């Protein structure tokens, strides 16, 4: 719930929970969101975290559409962890990067 509130506040959208369970939310334009992050910083493994992001990039909704956006909630991570995540995201394709955004960034 906190991640959804951050997305709404930082992106200026209204989110509704996806009742199908395929994704997490849809905004008022019908764009799908599926978030990662917001876990305790002591358990973060950036390599595994990026594998999760890559899996989210390939995720589709019940109509076969790719998820529109992957919010990465970094609110609970240290500044170093956030910087490591940003560096790893920078290695993804431009098309994938365009679908990923950070929320809760305090770096």
C-alpha atoms as a PDB file:
ATOM      1  CA  UNK A   1       0.000   0.000   0.000  1.00  0.00           C
ATOM      2  CA  UNK A   2       2.831   2.406   0.809  1.00  0.00           C
ATOM      3  CA  UNK A   3       4.366   1.870  -2.616  1.00  0.00           C
ATOM      4  CA  UNK A   4       1.047   2.655  -4.310  1.00  0.00           C
ATOM      5  CA  UNK A   5       0.761   5.876  -2.316  1.00  0.00           C
ATOM      6  CA  UNK A   6       4.308   6.855  -3.284  1.00  0.00           C
ATOM      7  CA  UNK A   7       3.560   6.183  -6.962  1.00  0.00           C
ATOM      8  CA  UNK A   8       0.366   8.232  -6.805  1.00  0.00           C
ATOM      9  CA  UNK A   9       2.090  11.126  -5.041  1.00  0.00           C
ATOM     10  CA  UNK A  10       5.292  11.157  -7.078  1.00  0.00           C
ATOM     11  CA  UNK A  11       3.710  10.437 -10.490  1.00  0.00           C
ATOM     12  CA  UNK A  12       0.375  12.225 -10.123  1.00  0.00           C
ATOM     13  CA  UNK A  13      -1.733   9.177 -11.042  1.00  0.00           C
ATOM     14  CA  UNK A  14      -4.674   7.402  -9.447  1.00  0.00           C
ATOM     15  CA  UNK A  15      -4.133   3.692  -8.982  1.00  0.00           C
ATOM     16  CA  UNK A  16      -6.691   0.936  -8.675  1.00  0.00           C
ATOM     17  CA  UNK A  17      -5.803  -2.562  -7.519  1.00  0.00           C
ATOM     18  CA  UNK A  18      -5.792  -5.120 -10.363  1.00  0.00           C
ATOM     19  CA  UNK A  19      -8.621  -7.496  -9.463  1.00  0.00           C
ATOM     20  CA  UNK A  20      -7.234 -10.236 -11.730  1.00  0.00           C
ATOM     21  CA  UNK A  21      -4.000 -10.418  -9.753  1.00  0.00           C
ATOM     22  CA  UNK A  22      -1.871 -10.374 -12.917  1.00  0.00           C
ATOM     23  CA  UNK A  23      -0.366  -6.981 -12.053  1.00  0.00           C
ATOM     24  CA  UNK A  24      -0.595  -4.794  -8.975  1.00  0.00           C
ATOM     25  CA  UNK A  25      -2.434  -1.712 -10.211  1.00  0.00           C
ATOM     26  CA  UNK A  26      -3.846   0.161 -13.178  1.00  0.00           C
ATOM     27  CA  UNK A  27      -3.920   3.930 -13.491  1.00  0.00           C
ATOM     28  CA  UNK A  28      -6.753   6.058 -14.834  1.00  0.00           C
ATOM     29  CA  UNK A  29      -5.414   5.602 -18.404  1.00  0.00           C
ATOM     30  CA  UNK A  30      -5.457   1.791 -18.152  1.00  0.00           C
ATOM     31  CA  UNK A  31      -1.670   1.486 -17.878  1.00  0.00           C
ATOM     32  CA  UNK A  32      -0.503  -1.443 -15.737  1.00  0.00           C
ATOM     33  CA  UNK A  33       2.005  -1.228 -12.877  1.00  0.00           C
ATOM     34  CA  UNK A  34       3.880  -4.014 -11.121  1.00  0.00           C
ATOM     35  CA  UNK A  35       6.242  -2.897  -8.367  1.00  0.00           C
ATOM     36  CA  UNK A  36       9.407  -4.276  -6.819  1.00  0.00           C
ATOM     37  CA  UNK A  37      11.228  -3.253  -3.669  1.00  0.00           C
ATOM     38  CA  UNK A  38      10.177  -1.838  -0.322  1.00  0.00           C
ATOM     39  CA  UNK A  39      11.828  -4.727   1.513  1.00  0.00           C
ATOM     40  CA  UNK A  40      14.196  -4.483   4.498  1.00  0.00           C
ATOM     41  CA  UNK A  41      17.592  -3.188   3.360  1.00  0.00           C
ATOM     42  CA  UNK A  42      19.530  -5.904   5.200  1.00  0.00           C
ATOM     43  CA  UNK A  43      18.031  -8.522   2.863  1.00  0.00           C
ATOM     44  CA  UNK A  44      18.725  -6.723  -0.411  1.00  0.00           C
ATOM     45  CA  UNK A  45      20.856  -8.628  -2.914  1.00  0.00           C
ATOM     46  CA  UNK A  46      21.166  -6.340  -5.940  1.00  0.00           C
ATOM     47  CA  UNK A  47      21.845  -9.226  -8.340  1.00  0.00           C
ATOM     48  CA  UNK A  48      18.662 -11.040  -7.277  1.00  0.00           C
ATOM     49  CA  UNK A  49      16.778  -7.740  -7.185  1.00  0.00           C
ATOM     50  CA  UNK A  50      17.721  -7.024 -10.802  1.00  0.00           C
ATOM     51  CA  UNK A  51      16.622 -10.531 -11.778  1.00  0.00           C
ATOM     52  CA  UNK A  52      13.239  -9.673 -10.296  1.00  0.00           C
ATOM     53  CA  UNK A  53      13.123  -6.413 -12.274  1.00  0.00           C
ATOM     54  CA  UNK A  54      13.972  -8.313 -15.477  1.00  0.00           C
ATOM     55  CA  UNK A  55      11.138 -10.755 -14.755  1.00  0.00           C
ATOM     56  CA  UNK A  56       8.752  -7.843 -14.223  1.00  0.00           C
ATOM     57  CA  UNK A  57       9.804  -6.346 -17.577  1.00  0.00           C
ATOM     58  CA  UNK A  58       8.504  -9.512 -19.283  1.00  0.00           C
ATOM     59  CA  UNK A  59       5.294  -9.723 -17.265  1.00  0.00           C
ATOM     60  CA  UNK A  60       1.963  -9.422 -19.069  1.00  0.00           C
ATOM     61  CA  UNK A  61      -1.581  -8.708 -17.953  1.00  0.00           C
ATOM     62  CA  UNK A  62      -4.624 -10.868 -18.650  1.00  0.00           C
ATOM     63  CA  UNK A  63      -4.928  -9.318 -22.134  1.00  0.00           C
ATOM     64  CA  UNK A  64      -1.368 -10.241 -23.066  1.00  0.00           C
ATOM     65  CA  UNK A  65      -0.063  -6.668 -22.796  1.00  0.00           C
ATOM     66  CA  UNK A  66       3.331  -6.058 -21.240  1.00  0.00           C
ATOM     67  CA  UNK A  67       3.265  -4.239 -17.928  1.00  0.00           C
ATOM     68  CA  UNK A  68       3.463  -0.508 -18.669  1.00  0.00           C
ATOM     69  CA  UNK A  69       5.550   0.527 -15.673  1.00  0.00           C
ATOM     70  CA  UNK A  70       7.749  -1.081 -13.043  1.00  0.00           C
ATOM     71  CA  UNK A  71       7.946   1.161  -9.967  1.00  0.00           C
ATOM     72  CA  UNK A  72      11.047   0.402  -7.930  1.00  0.00           C
ATOM     73  CA  UNK A  73      10.385   1.403  -4.324  1.00  0.00           C
ATOM     74  CA  UNK A  74      13.766   2.209  -2.790  1.00  0.00           C
ATOM     75  CA  UNK A  75      12.412   3.919   0.320  1.00  0.00           C
ATOM     76  CA  UNK A  76      13.862   1.312   2.699  1.00  0.00           C
ATOM     77  CA  UNK A  77      17.301   1.036   1.084  1.00  0.00           C
ATOM     78  CA  UNK A  78      20.542   2.777   1.945  1.00  0.00           C
ATOM     79  CA  UNK A  79      21.979   5.447  -0.324  1.00  0.00           C
ATOM     80  CA  UNK A  80      24.673   2.998  -1.497  1.00  0.00           C
ATOM     81  CA  UNK A  81      22.062   0.350  -2.292  1.00  0.00           C
ATOM     82  CA  UNK A  82      19.998   2.899  -4.231  1.00  0.00           C
ATOM     83  CA  UNK A  83      23.067   3.936  -6.211  1.00  0.00           C
ATOM     84  CA  UNK A  84      23.846   0.279  -6.957  1.00  0.00           C
ATOM     85  CA  UNK A  85      20.284  -0.259  -8.187  1.00  0.00           C
ATOM     86  CA  UNK A  86      20.468   2.862 -10.366  1.00  0.00           C
ATOM     87  CA  UNK A  87      23.758   1.685 -11.878  1.00  0.00           C
ATOM     88  CA  UNK A  88      22.312  -1.757 -12.636  1.00  0.00           C
ATOM     89  CA  UNK A  89      19.179  -0.257 -14.224  1.00  0.00           C
ATOM     90  CA  UNK A  90      21.407   1.945 -16.391  1.00  0.00           C
ATOM     91  CA  UNK A  91      22.748  -1.252 -17.999  1.00  0.00           C
ATOM     92  CA  UNK A  92      19.299  -2.224 -19.290  1.00  0.00           C
ATOM     93  CA  UNK A  93      18.063  -1.254 -22.739  1.00  0.00           C
ATOM     94  CA  UNK A  94      16.637   2.240 -23.213  1.00  0.00           C
ATOM     95  CA  UNK A  95      13.207   0.724 -23.893  1.00  0.00           C
ATOM     96  CA  UNK A  96      13.282  -1.174 -20.594  1.00  0.00           C
ATOM     97  CA  UNK A  97      14.616   1.822 -18.686  1.00  0.00           C
ATOM     98  CA  UNK A  98      11.711   3.918 -20.001  1.00  0.00           C
ATOM     99  CA  UNK A  99       9.283   1.615 -18.164  1.00  0.00           C
ATOM    100  CA  UNK A 100      11.167   1.648 -14.851  1.00  0.00           C
ATOM    101  CA  UNK A 101      11.061   4.452 -12.314  1.00  0.00           C
ATOM    102  CA  UNK A 102      12.162   4.827  -8.705  1.00  0.00           C
ATOM    103  CA  UNK A 103       9.918   5.991  -5.888  1.00  0.00           C
ATOM    104  CA  UNK A 104      10.986   6.854  -2.369  1.00  0.00           C
ATOM    105  CA  UNK A 105      14.434   7.887  -3.618  1.00  0.00           C
ATOM    106  CA  UNK A 106      16.269   9.675  -0.803  1.00  0.00           C
ATOM    107  CA  UNK A 107      19.766   9.389  -2.276  1.00  0.00           C
END
